[in-house]
Amino acid sequence: MEKKIIWISLFIGSTIGGFIPLLWGENMISFSSILFTGIGGFIGIWVGFKMTH
């Protein structure tokens, strides 16, 4: 169950991170979108880990 929560939070974090550059007019396939997807995924993993421990 712990891994499932971490995977779900990873998915949610990377999705939100990928949409952040849309706020300033970038498109979904830009360097900043890929960068924020990685950052959001990392934050999602951290949040999921904190939720399970």
C-alpha atoms as a PDB file:
ATOM      1  CA  MET A   1       0.000   0.000   0.000  1.00  0.00           C
ATOM      2  CA  GLU A   2       2.896   2.367   0.725  1.00  0.00           C
ATOM      3  CA  LYS A   3       4.310   2.024  -2.777  1.00  0.00           C
ATOM      4  CA  LYS A   4       0.898   2.705  -4.276  1.00  0.00           C
ATOM      5  CA  ILE A   5       0.580   5.982  -2.378  1.00  0.00           C
ATOM      6  CA  ILE A   6       4.076   7.046  -3.433  1.00  0.00           C
ATOM      7  CA  TRP A   7       3.315   6.242  -7.095  1.00  0.00           C
ATOM      8  CA  ILE A   8       0.029   8.159  -6.972  1.00  0.00           C
ATOM      9  CA  SER A   9       1.711  11.193  -5.419  1.00  0.00           C
ATOM     10  CA  LEU A  10       4.483  10.960  -8.036  1.00  0.00           C
ATOM     11  CA  PHE A  11       1.884  11.011 -10.806  1.00  0.00           C
ATOM     12  CA  ILE A  12      -0.017  13.941  -9.294  1.00  0.00           C
ATOM     13  CA  GLY A  13       3.150  15.947  -8.603  1.00  0.00           C
ATOM     14  CA  SER A  14       4.598  15.465 -12.064  1.00  0.00           C
ATOM     15  CA  THR A  15       1.270  16.311 -13.705  1.00  0.00           C
ATOM     16  CA  ILE A  16       0.924  19.540 -11.742  1.00  0.00           C
ATOM     17  CA  GLY A  17       4.570  20.379 -12.395  1.00  0.00           C
ATOM     18  CA  GLY A  18       4.100  19.879 -16.128  1.00  0.00           C
ATOM     19  CA  PHE A  19       1.167  22.284 -16.218  1.00  0.00           C
ATOM     20  CA  ILE A  20       2.888  25.116 -14.317  1.00  0.00           C
ATOM     21  CA  PRO A  21       4.671  26.574 -17.412  1.00  0.00           C
ATOM     22  CA  LEU A  22       1.277  26.991 -19.070  1.00  0.00           C
ATOM     23  CA  LEU A  23       0.671  29.851 -16.639  1.00  0.00           C
ATOM     24  CA  TRP A  24       3.220  32.037 -18.429  1.00  0.00           C
ATOM     25  CA  GLY A  25       2.433  30.923 -21.960  1.00  0.00           C
ATOM     26  CA  GLU A  26       4.831  28.045 -22.599  1.00  0.00           C
ATOM     27  CA  ASN A  27       3.547  24.917 -24.272  1.00  0.00           C
ATOM     28  CA  MET A  28       3.517  21.372 -22.896  1.00  0.00           C
ATOM     29  CA  ILE A  29       6.621  20.294 -24.812  1.00  0.00           C
ATOM     30  CA  SER A  30       9.117  22.905 -23.687  1.00  0.00           C
ATOM     31  CA  PHE A  31      12.264  22.661 -21.627  1.00  0.00           C
ATOM     32  CA  SER A  32      10.637  24.390 -18.666  1.00  0.00           C
ATOM     33  CA  SER A  33       7.709  21.966 -18.758  1.00  0.00           C
ATOM     34  CA  ILE A  34      10.057  18.979 -18.673  1.00  0.00           C
ATOM     35  CA  LEU A  35      12.061  20.598 -15.881  1.00  0.00           C
ATOM     36  CA  PHE A  36       8.982  21.312 -13.782  1.00  0.00           C
ATOM     37  CA  THR A  37       7.686  17.785 -14.423  1.00  0.00           C
ATOM     38  CA  GLY A  38      10.867  16.425 -12.854  1.00  0.00           C
ATOM     39  CA  ILE A  39      10.676  18.832  -9.935  1.00  0.00           C
ATOM     40  CA  GLY A  40       7.002  18.029  -9.385  1.00  0.00           C
ATOM     41  CA  GLY A  41       7.736  14.323  -9.504  1.00  0.00           C
ATOM     42  CA  PHE A  42      10.477  14.688  -6.913  1.00  0.00           C
ATOM     43  CA  ILE A  43       8.179  16.683  -4.637  1.00  0.00           C
ATOM     44  CA  GLY A  44       5.442  14.100  -5.186  1.00  0.00           C
ATOM     45  CA  ILE A  45       7.765  11.289  -4.120  1.00  0.00           C
ATOM     46  CA  TRP A  46       8.780  13.264  -1.043  1.00  0.00           C
ATOM     47  CA  VAL A  47       5.146  13.967  -0.091  1.00  0.00           C
ATOM     48  CA  GLY A  48       4.188  10.329  -0.660  1.00  0.00           C
ATOM     49  CA  PHE A  49       7.084   9.162   1.477  1.00  0.00           C
ATOM     50  CA  LYS A  50       6.125  11.554   4.265  1.00  0.00           C
ATOM     51  CA  MET A  51       2.514  10.374   4.105  1.00  0.00           C
ATOM     52  CA  THR A  52       3.489   6.735   4.536  1.00  0.00           C
ATOM     53  CA  HIS A  53       6.102   7.142   7.265  1.00  0.00           C
END
